Amino acid sequence: MRTDAVLDALARREPVGGTDAAIRLLGALVADVDSQRLSSVSITPST
């Protein structure tokens, strides 16, 4: 995949297939950030 296409897909939170380890790592990092953000929202008290 072209770099722009990969980055666009990651930004849209779309699954990015392929066998490239770097692309899989970027996808995993995006998923981790999303899950961290969701978990922090659920434990943050509202004011």
C-alpha atoms as a PDB file:
ATOM      1  CA  MET A   1       0.000   0.000   0.000  1.00  0.00           C
ATOM      2  CA  ARG A   2       1.055   3.558  -0.527  1.00  0.00           C
ATOM      3  CA  THR A   3       2.011   5.483   2.587  1.00  0.00           C
ATOM      4  CA  ASP A   4      -0.792   8.021   2.145  1.00  0.00           C
ATOM      5  CA  ALA A   5      -3.403   5.300   1.791  1.00  0.00           C
ATOM      6  CA  VAL A   6      -2.173   3.551   4.929  1.00  0.00           C
ATOM      7  CA  LEU A   7      -2.164   6.736   6.983  1.00  0.00           C
ATOM      8  CA  ASP A   8      -5.608   7.729   5.706  1.00  0.00           C
ATOM      9  CA  ALA A   9      -7.018   4.312   6.605  1.00  0.00           C
ATOM     10  CA  LEU A  10      -5.469   4.475  10.081  1.00  0.00           C
ATOM     11  CA  ALA A  11      -6.852   7.977  10.615  1.00  0.00           C
ATOM     12  CA  ARG A  12     -10.335   6.717   9.700  1.00  0.00           C
ATOM     13  CA  ARG A  13      -9.807   3.771  12.089  1.00  0.00           C
ATOM     14  CA  GLU A  14     -10.253   1.319   9.220  1.00  0.00           C
ATOM     15  CA  PRO A  15      -8.546  -2.063   9.373  1.00  0.00           C
ATOM     16  CA  VAL A  16      -5.290  -2.079   7.453  1.00  0.00           C
ATOM     17  CA  GLY A  17      -4.333  -5.468   6.128  1.00  0.00           C
ATOM     18  CA  GLY A  18      -1.001  -6.647   4.963  1.00  0.00           C
ATOM     19  CA  THR A  19       2.018  -8.500   6.121  1.00  0.00           C
ATOM     20  CA  ASP A  20       4.240  -5.498   6.772  1.00  0.00           C
ATOM     21  CA  ALA A  21       5.238  -5.443  10.435  1.00  0.00           C
ATOM     22  CA  ALA A  22       5.374  -1.636  10.568  1.00  0.00           C
ATOM     23  CA  ILE A  23       1.801  -1.312   9.291  1.00  0.00           C
ATOM     24  CA  ARG A  24       0.570  -3.891  11.794  1.00  0.00           C
ATOM     25  CA  LEU A  25       2.409  -2.027  14.569  1.00  0.00           C
ATOM     26  CA  LEU A  26       0.833   1.291  13.596  1.00  0.00           C
ATOM     27  CA  GLY A  27      -2.598  -0.332  13.582  1.00  0.00           C
ATOM     28  CA  ALA A  28      -1.970  -1.804  17.024  1.00  0.00           C
ATOM     29  CA  LEU A  29      -0.821   1.567  18.364  1.00  0.00           C
ATOM     30  CA  VAL A  30      -3.940   3.290  17.038  1.00  0.00           C
ATOM     31  CA  ALA A  31      -6.122   0.635  18.664  1.00  0.00           C
ATOM     32  CA  ASP A  32      -4.232   1.004  21.949  1.00  0.00           C
ATOM     33  CA  VAL A  33      -4.601   4.774  21.962  1.00  0.00           C
ATOM     34  CA  ASP A  34      -8.311   4.438  21.241  1.00  0.00           C
ATOM     35  CA  SER A  35      -8.797   1.942  24.060  1.00  0.00           C
ATOM     36  CA  GLN A  36      -6.785   4.111  26.469  1.00  0.00           C
ATOM     37  CA  ARG A  37      -8.876   7.135  25.583  1.00  0.00           C
ATOM     38  CA  LEU A  38     -12.117   5.213  26.076  1.00  0.00           C
ATOM     39  CA  SER A  39     -11.021   3.785  29.415  1.00  0.00           C
ATOM     40  CA  SER A  40      -9.862   7.186  30.683  1.00  0.00           C
ATOM     41  CA  VAL A  41     -13.203   8.722  29.749  1.00  0.00           C
ATOM     42  CA  SER A  42     -15.085   6.087  31.679  1.00  0.00           C
ATOM     43  CA  ILE A  43     -13.153   6.703  34.921  1.00  0.00           C
ATOM     44  CA  THR A  44     -12.934  10.482  34.713  1.00  0.00           C
ATOM     45  CA  PRO A  45     -15.486  12.110  36.991  1.00  0.00           C
ATOM     46  CA  SER A  46     -17.649  14.759  35.441  1.00  0.00           C
ATOM     47  CA  THR A  47     -17.610  18.223  36.941  1.00  0.00           C
END
